[in-house]
N, C-alpha and C. Protein backbone atom coordinates (compact mmCIF):
# COMPACT_ATOMS: atom_id res chain seq x y z
N UNK A 1 119.41 33.19 161.29
CA UNK A 1 118.86 33.75 160.11
C UNK A 1 119.60 33.27 158.82
N UNK A 2 120.85 32.95 158.94
CA UNK A 2 121.65 32.51 157.77
C UNK A 2 121.15 31.19 157.25
N UNK A 3 120.70 30.30 158.08
CA UNK A 3 120.29 28.94 157.65
C UNK A 3 119.17 28.96 156.62
N UNK A 4 118.09 29.73 156.81
CA UNK A 4 116.99 29.76 155.79
C UNK A 4 117.50 30.30 154.47
N UNK A 5 118.39 31.29 154.46
CA UNK A 5 118.89 31.82 153.21
C UNK A 5 119.71 30.72 152.46
N UNK A 6 120.53 29.99 153.23
CA UNK A 6 121.32 28.92 152.64
C UNK A 6 120.42 27.83 152.09
N UNK A 7 119.36 27.52 152.80
CA UNK A 7 118.37 26.51 152.32
C UNK A 7 117.72 26.94 151.01
N UNK A 8 117.37 28.21 150.93
CA UNK A 8 116.75 28.77 149.69
C UNK A 8 117.72 28.64 148.55
N UNK A 9 119.04 29.02 148.76
CA UNK A 9 120.04 28.91 147.70
C UNK A 9 120.20 27.49 147.24
N UNK A 10 120.26 26.57 148.14
CA UNK A 10 120.42 25.14 147.82
C UNK A 10 119.22 24.65 147.03
N UNK A 11 118.04 25.02 147.40
CA UNK A 11 116.86 24.63 146.65
C UNK A 11 116.86 25.18 145.23
N UNK A 12 117.30 26.41 145.07
CA UNK A 12 117.35 27.04 143.74
C UNK A 12 118.36 26.32 142.91
N UNK A 13 119.51 25.98 143.50
CA UNK A 13 120.56 25.24 142.74
C UNK A 13 120.03 23.91 142.30
N UNK A 14 119.31 23.23 143.17
CA UNK A 14 118.72 21.93 142.81
C UNK A 14 117.76 22.07 141.65
N UNK A 15 116.94 23.10 141.66
CA UNK A 15 115.98 23.30 140.58
C UNK A 15 116.70 23.59 139.29
N UNK A 16 117.75 24.40 139.29
CA UNK A 16 118.50 24.72 138.08
C UNK A 16 119.14 23.42 137.56
N UNK A 17 119.73 22.61 138.43
CA UNK A 17 120.35 21.38 138.00
C UNK A 17 119.35 20.44 137.37
N UNK A 18 118.13 20.39 137.87
CA UNK A 18 117.11 19.48 137.29
C UNK A 18 116.63 19.96 135.95
N UNK A 19 116.85 21.25 135.61
CA UNK A 19 116.39 21.79 134.37
C UNK A 19 117.33 21.54 133.18
N UNK A 20 118.51 20.95 133.48
CA UNK A 20 119.43 20.70 132.42
C UNK A 20 118.84 19.74 131.38
N UNK A 21 119.12 19.98 130.14
CA UNK A 21 118.61 19.12 129.06
C UNK A 21 119.50 17.88 128.93
N UNK A 22 118.91 16.83 128.48
CA UNK A 22 119.66 15.62 128.25
C UNK A 22 120.60 15.79 127.07
N UNK A 23 121.73 15.04 127.03
CA UNK A 23 122.62 15.17 125.88
C UNK A 23 121.93 14.73 124.62
N UNK A 24 122.40 15.16 123.45
CA UNK A 24 121.76 14.76 122.20
C UNK A 24 121.88 13.28 121.97
N UNK A 25 121.01 12.77 121.11
CA UNK A 25 121.01 11.34 120.76
C UNK A 25 122.24 11.06 119.86
N UNK A 26 122.90 9.93 120.08
CA UNK A 26 124.04 9.62 119.25
C UNK A 26 123.59 9.17 117.84
N UNK A 27 124.48 9.30 116.87
CA UNK A 27 124.14 8.81 115.52
C UNK A 27 123.95 7.30 115.58
N UNK A 28 123.09 6.81 114.73
CA UNK A 28 122.86 5.36 114.63
C UNK A 28 123.56 4.86 113.34
N UNK A 29 124.63 4.09 113.52
CA UNK A 29 125.39 3.57 112.41
C UNK A 29 125.17 2.09 112.26
N UNK A 30 124.95 1.64 111.07
CA UNK A 30 124.83 0.23 110.78
C UNK A 30 126.21 -0.27 110.34
N UNK A 31 126.75 -1.16 111.09
CA UNK A 31 128.12 -1.66 110.76
C UNK A 31 128.07 -2.51 109.49
N UNK A 32 129.12 -2.46 108.68
CA UNK A 32 129.18 -3.32 107.51
C UNK A 32 129.34 -4.78 107.99
N UNK A 33 129.01 -5.70 107.10
CA UNK A 33 129.10 -7.12 107.44
C UNK A 33 130.53 -7.42 107.91
N UNK A 34 130.63 -8.08 109.06
CA UNK A 34 131.91 -8.43 109.59
C UNK A 34 132.44 -7.30 110.52
N UNK A 35 131.82 -6.16 110.59
CA UNK A 35 132.22 -5.08 111.50
C UNK A 35 133.46 -4.32 111.05
N UNK A 36 133.93 -4.57 109.83
CA UNK A 36 135.09 -3.84 109.38
C UNK A 36 135.01 -3.69 107.86
N UNK A 37 135.83 -2.85 107.27
CA UNK A 37 135.84 -2.65 105.87
C UNK A 37 137.10 -2.11 105.34
N UNK A 38 137.33 -2.16 104.07
CA UNK A 38 138.54 -1.58 103.40
C UNK A 38 138.12 -0.33 102.65
N UNK A 39 138.84 0.76 102.85
CA UNK A 39 138.53 2.04 102.21
C UNK A 39 139.74 2.54 101.48
N UNK A 40 139.50 3.50 100.55
CA UNK A 40 140.61 4.23 99.95
C UNK A 40 140.74 5.59 100.60
N UNK A 41 139.85 5.95 101.50
CA UNK A 41 139.95 7.22 102.18
C UNK A 41 139.15 8.33 101.59
N UNK A 42 138.54 8.18 100.44
CA UNK A 42 137.77 9.22 99.78
C UNK A 42 136.26 9.00 99.92
N UNK A 43 135.85 7.96 100.63
CA UNK A 43 134.43 7.62 100.71
C UNK A 43 133.69 8.59 101.63
N UNK A 44 132.37 8.53 101.57
CA UNK A 44 131.52 9.27 102.47
C UNK A 44 130.94 8.32 103.49
N UNK A 45 130.57 8.80 104.64
CA UNK A 45 129.94 7.99 105.66
C UNK A 45 128.55 8.51 105.88
N UNK A 46 127.61 7.62 106.11
CA UNK A 46 126.21 8.01 106.32
C UNK A 46 125.71 7.36 107.59
N UNK A 47 124.68 8.01 108.15
CA UNK A 47 124.06 7.53 109.39
C UNK A 47 122.63 8.06 109.52
N UNK A 48 121.87 7.42 110.37
CA UNK A 48 120.55 7.90 110.69
C UNK A 48 120.67 8.70 112.01
N UNK A 49 120.24 9.98 111.98
CA UNK A 49 120.31 10.80 113.16
C UNK A 49 118.98 10.98 113.82
N UNK A 50 118.80 10.47 115.02
CA UNK A 50 117.52 10.63 115.73
C UNK A 50 117.34 12.12 116.07
N UNK A 51 116.16 12.64 115.91
CA UNK A 51 115.80 14.00 116.26
C UNK A 51 114.26 14.09 116.32
N UNK A 52 113.74 14.99 117.15
CA UNK A 52 112.28 15.10 117.23
C UNK A 52 111.68 15.74 116.00
N UNK A 53 112.45 16.60 115.34
CA UNK A 53 111.92 17.25 114.11
C UNK A 53 113.09 17.92 113.40
N UNK A 54 112.81 18.51 112.26
CA UNK A 54 113.87 19.19 111.46
C UNK A 54 114.49 20.38 112.19
N UNK A 55 113.70 21.05 113.06
CA UNK A 55 114.23 22.17 113.81
C UNK A 55 115.33 21.69 114.82
N UNK A 56 115.07 20.60 115.47
CA UNK A 56 116.05 20.02 116.38
C UNK A 56 117.30 19.59 115.62
N UNK A 57 117.06 18.91 114.49
CA UNK A 57 118.14 18.44 113.61
C UNK A 57 119.09 19.56 113.23
N UNK A 58 118.56 20.75 112.92
CA UNK A 58 119.34 21.86 112.47
C UNK A 58 120.30 22.38 113.57
N UNK A 59 120.00 22.09 114.79
CA UNK A 59 120.84 22.56 115.89
C UNK A 59 122.04 21.61 116.18
N UNK A 60 122.04 20.49 115.56
CA UNK A 60 123.06 19.45 115.84
C UNK A 60 124.34 19.66 114.96
N UNK A 61 125.46 19.36 115.53
CA UNK A 61 126.74 19.32 114.82
C UNK A 61 127.33 17.96 115.11
N UNK A 62 128.37 17.62 114.40
CA UNK A 62 128.94 16.25 114.49
C UNK A 62 130.46 16.26 114.59
N UNK A 63 130.99 15.26 115.34
CA UNK A 63 132.42 15.06 115.42
C UNK A 63 132.69 13.61 115.12
N UNK A 64 133.89 13.31 114.58
CA UNK A 64 134.30 11.95 114.42
C UNK A 64 135.57 11.75 115.25
N UNK A 65 135.60 10.59 115.90
CA UNK A 65 136.83 10.18 116.61
C UNK A 65 137.53 9.19 115.71
N UNK A 66 138.73 9.56 115.32
CA UNK A 66 139.58 8.67 114.50
C UNK A 66 140.67 8.18 115.42
N UNK A 67 140.69 6.91 115.77
CA UNK A 67 141.65 6.33 116.69
C UNK A 67 141.65 7.13 118.00
N UNK A 68 140.48 7.60 118.44
CA UNK A 68 140.34 8.32 119.69
C UNK A 68 140.56 9.82 119.60
N UNK A 69 141.02 10.29 118.46
CA UNK A 69 141.24 11.75 118.30
C UNK A 69 140.00 12.44 117.74
N UNK A 70 139.53 13.46 118.40
CA UNK A 70 138.27 14.19 118.03
C UNK A 70 138.49 15.09 116.82
N UNK A 71 137.67 15.01 115.80
CA UNK A 71 137.74 15.88 114.65
C UNK A 71 136.32 16.36 114.33
N UNK A 72 136.14 17.69 114.35
CA UNK A 72 134.80 18.26 113.89
C UNK A 72 134.56 17.89 112.43
N UNK A 73 133.30 17.57 112.16
CA UNK A 73 132.92 17.23 110.74
C UNK A 73 132.18 18.46 110.15
N UNK A 74 132.75 18.93 108.99
CA UNK A 74 132.14 20.02 108.26
C UNK A 74 131.36 19.42 107.11
N UNK A 75 130.50 20.22 106.49
CA UNK A 75 129.77 19.83 105.27
C UNK A 75 128.92 18.61 105.47
N UNK A 76 128.30 18.44 106.62
CA UNK A 76 127.34 17.33 106.88
C UNK A 76 126.06 17.76 106.20
N UNK A 77 125.47 16.85 105.49
CA UNK A 77 124.16 17.07 104.89
C UNK A 77 123.17 16.07 105.37
N UNK A 78 122.02 16.57 105.77
CA UNK A 78 120.91 15.70 106.25
C UNK A 78 119.69 15.99 105.48
N UNK A 79 118.86 14.97 105.21
CA UNK A 79 117.59 15.20 104.52
C UNK A 79 116.63 16.00 105.37
N UNK A 80 115.77 16.77 104.76
CA UNK A 80 114.94 17.67 105.53
C UNK A 80 113.70 16.99 106.14
N UNK A 81 113.37 15.79 105.73
CA UNK A 81 112.28 15.06 106.32
C UNK A 81 112.73 13.72 106.84
N UNK A 82 112.11 13.20 107.87
CA UNK A 82 112.56 11.95 108.48
C UNK A 82 112.55 10.78 107.46
N UNK A 83 113.49 9.94 107.58
CA UNK A 83 113.56 8.70 106.77
C UNK A 83 113.02 7.52 107.49
N UNK A 84 112.96 7.54 108.82
CA UNK A 84 112.32 6.48 109.57
C UNK A 84 111.49 7.15 110.62
N UNK A 85 110.38 6.49 111.01
CA UNK A 85 109.51 7.09 112.00
C UNK A 85 109.20 6.17 113.18
N UNK A 86 109.54 4.92 113.06
CA UNK A 86 109.22 4.02 114.13
C UNK A 86 110.38 3.13 114.45
N UNK A 87 110.74 2.93 115.67
CA UNK A 87 110.13 3.56 116.85
C UNK A 87 110.67 4.98 117.14
N UNK A 88 111.75 5.42 116.45
CA UNK A 88 112.29 6.71 116.67
C UNK A 88 112.38 7.43 115.36
N UNK A 89 112.08 8.75 115.35
CA UNK A 89 112.22 9.55 114.14
C UNK A 89 113.71 9.75 113.89
N UNK A 90 114.10 9.49 112.63
CA UNK A 90 115.54 9.63 112.29
C UNK A 90 115.66 10.28 110.90
N UNK A 91 116.70 11.03 110.71
CA UNK A 91 117.00 11.70 109.45
C UNK A 91 118.28 11.13 108.93
N UNK A 92 118.34 10.96 107.60
CA UNK A 92 119.55 10.41 106.92
C UNK A 92 120.56 11.54 106.77
N UNK A 93 121.80 11.31 107.27
CA UNK A 93 122.88 12.32 107.22
C UNK A 93 124.10 11.66 106.56
N UNK A 94 124.96 12.46 105.95
CA UNK A 94 126.16 11.96 105.33
C UNK A 94 127.24 13.09 105.28
N UNK A 95 128.43 12.68 105.21
CA UNK A 95 129.62 13.60 105.02
C UNK A 95 130.78 12.78 104.58
N UNK A 96 131.77 13.53 104.08
CA UNK A 96 133.05 12.89 103.70
C UNK A 96 133.86 12.55 104.95
N UNK A 97 134.71 11.59 104.77
CA UNK A 97 135.57 11.19 105.94
C UNK A 97 136.71 12.21 106.08
N UNK A 98 137.22 12.40 107.28
CA UNK A 98 138.40 13.23 107.47
C UNK A 98 139.57 12.49 106.80
N UNK A 99 140.65 13.20 106.60
CA UNK A 99 141.88 12.59 106.02
C UNK A 99 142.32 11.40 106.87
N UNK A 100 142.53 10.28 106.19
CA UNK A 100 142.96 9.06 106.91
C UNK A 100 144.26 8.59 106.28
N UNK A 101 145.21 8.20 107.12
CA UNK A 101 146.44 7.64 106.62
C UNK A 101 146.23 6.16 106.28
N UNK A 102 147.04 5.56 105.38
CA UNK A 102 146.91 4.17 105.12
C UNK A 102 147.10 3.33 106.42
N UNK A 103 146.36 2.24 106.52
CA UNK A 103 146.44 1.39 107.68
C UNK A 103 145.12 1.21 108.39
N UNK A 104 145.16 0.60 109.54
CA UNK A 104 143.93 0.26 110.31
C UNK A 104 143.55 1.49 111.16
N UNK A 105 142.24 1.76 111.24
CA UNK A 105 141.69 2.86 112.05
C UNK A 105 140.41 2.45 112.66
N UNK A 106 140.05 3.10 113.80
CA UNK A 106 138.76 2.95 114.38
C UNK A 106 138.03 4.33 114.24
N UNK A 107 136.79 4.26 113.90
CA UNK A 107 135.99 5.46 113.70
C UNK A 107 134.77 5.43 114.63
N UNK A 108 134.46 6.58 115.22
CA UNK A 108 133.25 6.70 116.01
C UNK A 108 132.67 8.08 115.79
N UNK A 109 131.37 8.18 115.73
CA UNK A 109 130.70 9.48 115.55
C UNK A 109 129.97 9.87 116.82
N UNK A 110 129.85 11.20 116.99
CA UNK A 110 129.11 11.71 118.15
C UNK A 110 128.40 13.00 117.68
N UNK A 111 127.33 13.30 118.35
CA UNK A 111 126.50 14.48 118.05
C UNK A 111 126.77 15.50 119.13
N UNK A 112 126.89 16.78 118.73
CA UNK A 112 127.14 17.85 119.67
C UNK A 112 126.13 19.00 119.51
N UNK A 113 125.82 19.67 120.62
CA UNK A 113 124.91 20.84 120.56
C UNK A 113 125.51 21.87 121.45
N UNK A 114 124.90 23.09 121.44
CA UNK A 114 125.33 24.19 122.28
C UNK A 114 126.82 24.54 122.12
N UNK A 115 127.21 24.68 120.80
CA UNK A 115 128.59 24.98 120.46
C UNK A 115 129.56 24.03 121.11
N UNK A 116 129.19 22.77 121.15
CA UNK A 116 130.11 21.74 121.67
C UNK A 116 130.05 21.55 123.18
N UNK A 117 129.15 22.30 123.84
CA UNK A 117 129.09 22.18 125.30
C UNK A 117 128.53 20.80 125.76
N UNK A 118 127.69 20.18 124.90
CA UNK A 118 127.13 18.91 125.23
C UNK A 118 127.37 17.95 124.04
N UNK A 119 127.83 16.74 124.40
CA UNK A 119 128.12 15.76 123.35
C UNK A 119 127.47 14.44 123.73
N UNK A 120 126.97 13.78 122.70
CA UNK A 120 126.31 12.46 122.91
C UNK A 120 127.40 11.42 123.22
N UNK A 121 126.94 10.23 123.60
CA UNK A 121 127.85 9.12 123.67
C UNK A 121 128.28 8.84 122.23
N UNK A 122 129.37 8.13 122.11
CA UNK A 122 129.91 7.87 120.75
C UNK A 122 129.13 6.69 120.12
N UNK A 123 129.11 6.68 118.82
CA UNK A 123 128.42 5.64 118.08
C UNK A 123 129.15 4.29 118.20
N UNK A 124 128.55 3.28 117.68
CA UNK A 124 129.24 1.98 117.58
C UNK A 124 130.59 2.16 116.89
N UNK A 125 131.53 1.40 117.33
CA UNK A 125 132.89 1.47 116.74
C UNK A 125 132.93 0.83 115.34
N UNK A 126 133.47 1.56 114.39
CA UNK A 126 133.73 1.01 113.04
C UNK A 126 135.19 0.81 112.87
N UNK A 127 135.56 -0.38 112.45
CA UNK A 127 136.97 -0.66 112.16
C UNK A 127 137.18 -0.69 110.66
N UNK A 128 138.11 0.14 110.18
CA UNK A 128 138.39 0.22 108.76
C UNK A 128 139.89 0.12 108.49
N UNK A 129 140.21 -0.33 107.27
CA UNK A 129 141.58 -0.36 106.80
C UNK A 129 141.64 0.49 105.57
N UNK A 130 142.50 1.54 105.62
CA UNK A 130 142.66 2.38 104.45
C UNK A 130 143.78 1.92 103.60
N UNK A 131 143.55 1.72 102.34
CA UNK A 131 144.57 1.35 101.38
C UNK A 131 144.70 2.52 100.39
N UNK A 132 145.84 2.65 99.83
CA UNK A 132 146.03 3.75 98.89
C UNK A 132 145.13 3.57 97.68
N UNK A 133 144.54 4.66 97.23
CA UNK A 133 143.65 4.53 96.01
C UNK A 133 144.51 4.27 94.81
N UNK A 134 144.00 3.40 93.97
CA UNK A 134 144.76 3.06 92.75
C UNK A 134 144.76 4.30 91.81
N UNK A 135 145.84 4.64 91.28
CA UNK A 135 145.90 5.77 90.38
C UNK A 135 145.66 5.33 88.96
N UNK A 136 144.95 6.15 88.21
CA UNK A 136 144.64 5.80 86.87
C UNK A 136 145.74 6.31 85.98
N UNK A 137 146.09 5.54 84.99
CA UNK A 137 147.12 5.94 84.01
C UNK A 137 146.48 7.03 83.13
N UNK A 138 147.29 8.10 82.82
CA UNK A 138 146.75 9.13 81.94
C UNK A 138 146.40 8.58 80.58
N UNK A 139 145.33 9.13 80.00
CA UNK A 139 144.89 8.70 78.63
C UNK A 139 145.63 9.50 77.62
N UNK A 140 146.02 8.87 76.54
CA UNK A 140 146.69 9.58 75.46
C UNK A 140 145.76 10.14 74.45
């Protein structure tokens, strides 16, 4: 009698496992010419975020990996209507960069949902070099 019960439990577990949703789509970043760039660290980064509609977009959060270290991104703004429709619907998003020290860094973005329980694959790798911002002389 134990065997049929075990079979039922295994079938239920298989059905639950099949019901899991796919991870969110990763951000689509267009690399600058040459695959690298020089920054002063105060720039904003922008990307096209694939989503089926504005409702799905509102559920997404973002993280940036700076040299492999994960940093949640706050204050991300995305347009409320898609900027591209073919072949994938995408919304334009942007945010400020996390604090970066002078020198060479690698940046990658990822999309997260369900309070960070599911994360997309990371975006294409961006290589940047941060130089100190030139200070302006005070005006008299």
